[in-house]
N, C-alpha and C. Protein backbone atom coordinates (compact mmCIF):
# COMPACT_ATOMS: atom_id res chain seq x y z
N MET A 1 100.36 146.78 79.83
CA MET A 1 101.75 146.78 79.42
C MET A 1 101.96 145.81 78.27
N VAL A 2 101.24 144.70 78.29
CA VAL A 2 101.35 143.72 77.21
C VAL A 2 100.84 144.31 75.91
N VAL A 3 99.72 145.01 75.97
CA VAL A 3 99.14 145.63 74.76
C VAL A 3 100.12 146.64 74.19
N LEU A 4 100.69 147.50 75.02
CA LEU A 4 101.64 148.49 74.53
C LEU A 4 102.91 147.82 74.01
N GLY A 5 103.37 146.80 74.71
CA GLY A 5 104.57 146.08 74.28
C GLY A 5 104.38 145.39 72.94
N ALA A 6 103.14 145.06 72.61
CA ALA A 6 102.84 144.40 71.34
C ALA A 6 102.56 145.40 70.23
N GLY A 7 102.69 146.70 70.53
CA GLY A 7 102.46 147.71 69.50
C GLY A 7 101.02 148.18 69.42
N GLY A 8 100.22 147.91 70.45
CA GLY A 8 98.83 148.35 70.46
C GLY A 8 97.92 147.27 69.92
N PHE A 9 96.71 147.67 69.60
CA PHE A 9 95.73 146.73 69.04
C PHE A 9 95.92 146.69 67.53
N THR A 10 96.65 145.69 67.06
CA THR A 10 96.91 145.58 65.62
C THR A 10 96.05 144.52 64.95
N THR A 11 95.65 143.50 65.70
CA THR A 11 94.86 142.43 65.09
C THR A 11 93.63 142.06 65.92
N GLY A 12 93.29 142.86 66.89
CA GLY A 12 92.14 142.52 67.72
C GLY A 12 91.96 143.52 68.83
N GLY A 13 91.37 143.07 69.92
CA GLY A 13 91.09 143.97 71.02
C GLY A 13 91.01 143.20 72.32
N LEU A 14 90.30 143.76 73.27
CA LEU A 14 90.11 143.14 74.57
C LEU A 14 88.65 142.74 74.73
N ASN A 15 88.42 141.70 75.50
CA ASN A 15 87.05 141.32 75.82
C ASN A 15 86.62 142.16 77.01
N PHE A 16 85.53 142.87 76.86
CA PHE A 16 85.03 143.75 77.92
C PHE A 16 83.57 143.43 78.17
N ASP A 17 83.21 143.36 79.44
CA ASP A 17 81.84 143.02 79.78
C ASP A 17 81.49 143.68 81.11
N ALA A 18 80.25 144.03 81.29
CA ALA A 18 79.73 144.51 82.56
C ALA A 18 78.37 143.86 82.77
N LYS A 19 78.06 143.58 84.02
CA LYS A 19 76.81 142.90 84.33
C LYS A 19 76.09 143.64 85.45
N ILE A 20 74.78 143.53 85.43
CA ILE A 20 73.98 144.02 86.54
C ILE A 20 74.17 143.02 87.69
N ARG A 21 74.39 143.52 88.91
CA ARG A 21 74.66 142.61 90.03
C ARG A 21 74.10 143.18 91.33
N ARG A 22 74.07 142.34 92.31
CA ARG A 22 73.58 142.68 93.65
C ARG A 22 72.32 143.54 93.58
N ASN A 23 72.39 144.72 94.18
CA ASN A 23 71.22 145.60 94.20
C ASN A 23 71.20 146.57 93.04
N SER A 24 72.18 146.50 92.17
CA SER A 24 72.20 147.33 90.96
C SER A 24 71.43 146.59 89.88
N THR A 25 70.19 147.01 89.67
CA THR A 25 69.32 146.19 88.84
C THR A 25 68.76 146.87 87.60
N ASP A 26 69.02 148.15 87.41
CA ASP A 26 68.41 148.79 86.25
C ASP A 26 69.45 149.10 85.17
N LEU A 27 68.98 149.56 84.03
CA LEU A 27 69.86 149.82 82.89
C LEU A 27 70.87 150.93 83.18
N GLU A 28 70.50 151.90 84.00
CA GLU A 28 71.45 152.95 84.35
C GLU A 28 72.66 152.36 85.07
N ASP A 29 72.41 151.37 85.95
CA ASP A 29 73.51 150.70 86.65
C ASP A 29 74.45 150.01 85.67
N LEU A 30 73.86 149.36 84.69
CA LEU A 30 74.68 148.68 83.68
C LEU A 30 75.49 149.70 82.88
N PHE A 31 74.90 150.81 82.53
CA PHE A 31 75.58 151.89 81.81
C PHE A 31 76.74 152.43 82.64
N ILE A 32 76.50 152.68 83.93
CA ILE A 32 77.54 153.18 84.84
C ILE A 32 78.66 152.15 84.98
N ALA A 33 78.31 150.86 85.02
CA ALA A 33 79.33 149.81 85.12
C ALA A 33 80.25 149.82 83.91
N HIS A 34 79.67 150.02 82.72
CA HIS A 34 80.49 150.10 81.51
C HIS A 34 81.41 151.32 81.55
N ILE A 35 80.91 152.45 82.00
CA ILE A 35 81.74 153.66 82.11
C ILE A 35 82.89 153.41 83.08
N GLY A 36 82.58 152.84 84.24
CA GLY A 36 83.63 152.55 85.22
C GLY A 36 84.67 151.58 84.69
N GLY A 37 84.21 150.57 83.98
CA GLY A 37 85.15 149.60 83.39
C GLY A 37 86.07 150.25 82.37
N MET A 38 85.49 151.07 81.52
CA MET A 38 86.31 151.74 80.50
C MET A 38 87.26 152.75 81.14
N ASP A 39 86.82 153.42 82.19
CA ASP A 39 87.72 154.32 82.92
C ASP A 39 88.89 153.55 83.52
N ALA A 40 88.61 152.35 84.04
CA ALA A 40 89.67 151.52 84.61
C ALA A 40 90.66 151.09 83.53
N PHE A 41 90.15 150.70 82.33
CA PHE A 41 91.05 150.36 81.22
C PHE A 41 91.90 151.56 80.83
N ALA A 42 91.29 152.74 80.76
CA ALA A 42 92.03 153.94 80.37
C ALA A 42 93.12 154.27 81.38
N LEU A 43 92.79 154.20 82.66
CA LEU A 43 93.78 154.47 83.70
C LEU A 43 94.90 153.42 83.64
N GLY A 44 94.53 152.19 83.40
CA GLY A 44 95.54 151.14 83.27
C GLY A 44 96.47 151.39 82.10
N LEU A 45 95.92 151.84 80.98
CA LEU A 45 96.74 152.15 79.81
C LEU A 45 97.68 153.31 80.09
N GLU A 46 97.17 154.37 80.73
CA GLU A 46 98.03 155.50 81.08
C GLU A 46 99.13 155.09 82.05
N THR A 47 98.77 154.27 83.03
CA THR A 47 99.75 153.80 84.01
C THR A 47 100.79 152.91 83.35
N ALA A 48 100.35 152.02 82.48
CA ALA A 48 101.29 151.14 81.76
C ALA A 48 102.26 151.96 80.93
N TYR A 49 101.76 152.97 80.25
CA TYR A 49 102.63 153.84 79.44
C TYR A 49 103.67 154.52 80.33
N ALA A 50 103.24 155.02 81.48
CA ALA A 50 104.18 155.68 82.40
C ALA A 50 105.23 154.69 82.89
N VAL A 51 104.81 153.49 83.24
CA VAL A 51 105.77 152.48 83.72
C VAL A 51 106.78 152.15 82.62
N LEU A 52 106.31 151.97 81.39
CA LEU A 52 107.20 151.59 80.29
C LEU A 52 108.10 152.73 79.85
N SER A 53 107.66 153.97 79.99
CA SER A 53 108.45 155.10 79.48
C SER A 53 109.25 155.82 80.55
N ASP A 54 108.81 155.77 81.82
CA ASP A 54 109.46 156.56 82.86
C ASP A 54 110.20 155.75 83.91
N SER A 55 109.91 154.47 84.04
CA SER A 55 110.52 153.69 85.12
C SER A 55 111.73 152.90 84.62
N ARG A 56 112.39 152.30 85.56
CA ARG A 56 113.54 151.46 85.20
C ARG A 56 113.16 149.99 84.99
N LEU A 57 111.87 149.67 85.07
CA LEU A 57 111.44 148.28 84.89
C LEU A 57 111.85 147.69 83.54
N PRO A 58 111.66 148.39 82.41
CA PRO A 58 112.08 147.78 81.14
C PRO A 58 113.58 147.46 81.10
N ALA A 59 114.40 148.35 81.64
CA ALA A 59 115.85 148.09 81.65
C ALA A 59 116.18 146.93 82.58
N MET A 60 115.48 146.84 83.69
CA MET A 60 115.72 145.73 84.62
C MET A 60 115.33 144.40 83.97
N LYS A 61 114.22 144.39 83.26
CA LYS A 61 113.77 143.17 82.58
C LYS A 61 114.77 142.77 81.49
N LYS A 62 115.23 143.75 80.73
CA LYS A 62 116.21 143.47 79.68
C LYS A 62 117.48 142.86 80.27
N GLN A 63 117.93 143.41 81.38
CA GLN A 63 119.12 142.88 82.04
C GLN A 63 118.87 141.47 82.56
N ARG A 64 117.72 141.25 83.15
CA ARG A 64 117.38 139.94 83.74
C ARG A 64 117.41 138.83 82.68
N TYR A 65 116.93 139.14 81.48
CA TYR A 65 116.85 138.13 80.42
C TYR A 65 117.91 138.32 79.34
N SER A 66 119.00 139.01 79.67
CA SER A 66 120.05 139.29 78.68
C SER A 66 120.72 138.03 78.16
N SER A 67 120.65 136.93 78.90
CA SER A 67 121.29 135.69 78.42
C SER A 67 120.59 135.14 77.19
N PHE A 68 119.42 135.67 76.84
CA PHE A 68 118.72 135.24 75.63
C PHE A 68 119.05 136.13 74.43
N ASP A 69 119.93 137.11 74.63
CA ASP A 69 120.30 138.02 73.53
C ASP A 69 121.40 137.46 72.64
N SER A 70 122.16 136.50 73.15
CA SER A 70 123.26 135.93 72.36
C SER A 70 123.57 134.53 72.88
N GLY A 71 124.41 133.83 72.15
CA GLY A 71 124.85 132.51 72.57
C GLY A 71 123.74 131.48 72.64
N PRO A 72 123.90 130.50 73.54
CA PRO A 72 122.92 129.42 73.65
C PRO A 72 121.50 129.91 73.98
N GLY A 73 121.40 130.96 74.78
CA GLY A 73 120.08 131.49 75.12
C GLY A 73 119.34 131.97 73.89
N ALA A 74 120.03 132.69 73.02
CA ALA A 74 119.41 133.17 71.78
C ALA A 74 119.08 132.01 70.85
N ASP A 75 119.99 131.02 70.81
CA ASP A 75 119.72 129.84 69.98
C ASP A 75 118.48 129.10 70.46
N PHE A 76 118.33 128.96 71.78
CA PHE A 76 117.15 128.29 72.33
C PHE A 76 115.89 129.09 72.02
N GLU A 77 115.95 130.40 72.22
CA GLU A 77 114.77 131.24 71.98
C GLU A 77 114.34 131.19 70.52
N LYS A 78 115.28 131.02 69.61
CA LYS A 78 114.96 130.97 68.17
C LYS A 78 114.65 129.56 67.70
N GLY A 79 114.63 128.59 68.62
CA GLY A 79 114.26 127.23 68.26
C GLY A 79 115.40 126.43 67.65
N ARG A 80 116.62 126.93 67.74
CA ARG A 80 117.77 126.23 67.15
C ARG A 80 118.48 125.32 68.15
N LEU A 81 117.97 125.29 69.37
CA LEU A 81 118.58 124.49 70.43
C LEU A 81 117.45 123.79 71.18
N GLY A 82 117.45 122.48 71.16
CA GLY A 82 116.39 121.71 71.81
C GLY A 82 116.76 121.32 73.22
N PHE A 83 115.87 120.58 73.87
CA PHE A 83 116.10 120.19 75.25
C PHE A 83 117.29 119.24 75.40
N GLU A 84 117.50 118.39 74.43
CA GLU A 84 118.65 117.47 74.52
C GLU A 84 119.96 118.25 74.49
N GLU A 85 120.04 119.24 73.59
CA GLU A 85 121.24 120.07 73.52
C GLU A 85 121.40 120.91 74.79
N LEU A 86 120.29 121.36 75.34
CA LEU A 86 120.34 122.11 76.60
C LEU A 86 120.85 121.23 77.74
N ALA A 87 120.39 119.98 77.76
CA ALA A 87 120.85 119.05 78.80
C ALA A 87 122.35 118.83 78.68
N ASP A 88 122.84 118.66 77.46
CA ASP A 88 124.28 118.48 77.25
C ASP A 88 125.05 119.73 77.70
N LEU A 89 124.51 120.89 77.36
CA LEU A 89 125.14 122.15 77.74
C LEU A 89 125.16 122.31 79.26
N ALA A 90 124.06 121.96 79.93
CA ALA A 90 123.99 122.06 81.38
C ALA A 90 125.00 121.13 82.04
N GLU A 91 125.14 119.94 81.48
CA GLU A 91 126.12 119.00 82.02
C GLU A 91 127.54 119.53 81.85
N LYS A 92 127.81 120.16 80.74
CA LYS A 92 129.13 120.70 80.45
C LYS A 92 129.44 121.92 81.32
N ILE A 93 128.48 122.83 81.45
CA ILE A 93 128.70 124.09 82.18
C ILE A 93 128.56 123.91 83.68
N GLY A 94 127.63 123.06 84.10
CA GLY A 94 127.38 122.87 85.52
C GLY A 94 126.26 123.77 86.01
N GLU A 95 126.10 123.80 87.32
CA GLU A 95 125.02 124.57 87.94
C GLU A 95 125.20 126.07 87.67
N PRO A 96 124.12 126.74 87.31
CA PRO A 96 124.22 128.18 87.09
C PRO A 96 124.35 128.93 88.42
N GLU A 97 124.91 130.11 88.34
CA GLU A 97 124.99 130.96 89.52
C GLU A 97 123.57 131.44 89.86
N VAL A 98 123.22 131.33 91.12
CA VAL A 98 121.90 131.76 91.56
C VAL A 98 121.90 133.28 91.70
N SER A 99 120.94 133.91 91.05
CA SER A 99 120.80 135.36 91.19
C SER A 99 119.37 135.70 91.53
N SER A 100 119.20 136.72 92.32
CA SER A 100 117.87 137.12 92.78
C SER A 100 117.03 137.63 91.62
N GLY A 101 115.75 137.29 91.63
CA GLY A 101 114.82 137.82 90.65
C GLY A 101 114.34 139.21 91.00
N LYS A 102 114.66 139.70 92.20
CA LYS A 102 114.31 141.06 92.65
C LYS A 102 112.81 141.32 92.60
N GLN A 103 112.02 140.31 92.91
CA GLN A 103 110.56 140.42 92.84
C GLN A 103 110.04 141.60 93.66
N GLU A 104 110.53 141.76 94.88
CA GLU A 104 110.03 142.83 95.73
C GLU A 104 110.35 144.20 95.15
N LEU A 105 111.53 144.35 94.57
CA LEU A 105 111.89 145.61 93.94
C LEU A 105 110.98 145.91 92.76
N TYR A 106 110.73 144.92 91.91
CA TYR A 106 109.81 145.10 90.78
C TYR A 106 108.43 145.55 91.28
N GLU A 107 107.94 144.85 92.30
CA GLU A 107 106.61 145.18 92.83
C GLU A 107 106.57 146.59 93.41
N ASN A 108 107.60 146.99 94.13
CA ASN A 108 107.61 148.33 94.72
C ASN A 108 107.67 149.41 93.65
N ILE A 109 108.44 149.20 92.61
CA ILE A 109 108.49 150.18 91.52
C ILE A 109 107.12 150.27 90.85
N LEU A 110 106.52 149.14 90.55
CA LEU A 110 105.20 149.14 89.93
C LEU A 110 104.15 149.80 90.83
N ASN A 111 104.22 149.52 92.12
CA ASN A 111 103.26 150.11 93.05
C ASN A 111 103.36 151.63 93.10
N ARG A 112 104.54 152.18 92.89
CA ARG A 112 104.67 153.63 92.86
C ARG A 112 103.80 154.23 91.76
N TYR A 113 103.69 153.53 90.66
CA TYR A 113 102.88 154.01 89.54
C TYR A 113 101.41 153.69 89.76
N LEU A 114 101.11 152.53 90.31
CA LEU A 114 99.72 152.14 90.52
C LEU A 114 99.02 153.01 91.56
N PHE A 115 99.77 153.44 92.55
CA PHE A 115 99.17 154.19 93.65
C PHE A 115 99.58 155.65 93.66
N ALA A 116 100.03 156.17 92.51
CA ALA A 116 100.44 157.56 92.41
C ALA A 116 99.25 158.47 92.63
N LYS A 117 99.47 159.53 93.34
CA LYS A 117 98.40 160.51 93.62
C LYS A 117 98.20 161.41 92.39
N GLY A 118 97.00 161.90 92.24
CA GLY A 118 96.71 162.90 91.21
C GLY A 118 96.50 162.36 89.82
N ARG A 119 96.34 161.08 89.68
CA ARG A 119 96.09 160.53 88.34
C ARG A 119 94.63 160.61 88.03
């Protein structure tokens, strides 16, 4: 998902390695390990694309971090607001309202894609 979110491989790639291990000791085993690893990367890429294009996770993430789209949040994200200014702002505004991060919901949505049948 990070690779797709960054626009693909524009300035580099991924580090990929396979090793002979346990009772798998010949070159065919190493070749099969590379095939399996690349298949796993391909499935991960297809799954990430499905999550980003078909699920509600991107919209949920955008909503969760919407305070960085304008005001002090945007100023902080752009480096125009330092920790001292944030401390002053926190003192002025007071404690923020506690809102759930919805971790379990995020995980369940992602798991639907990770464990989908027929992929």
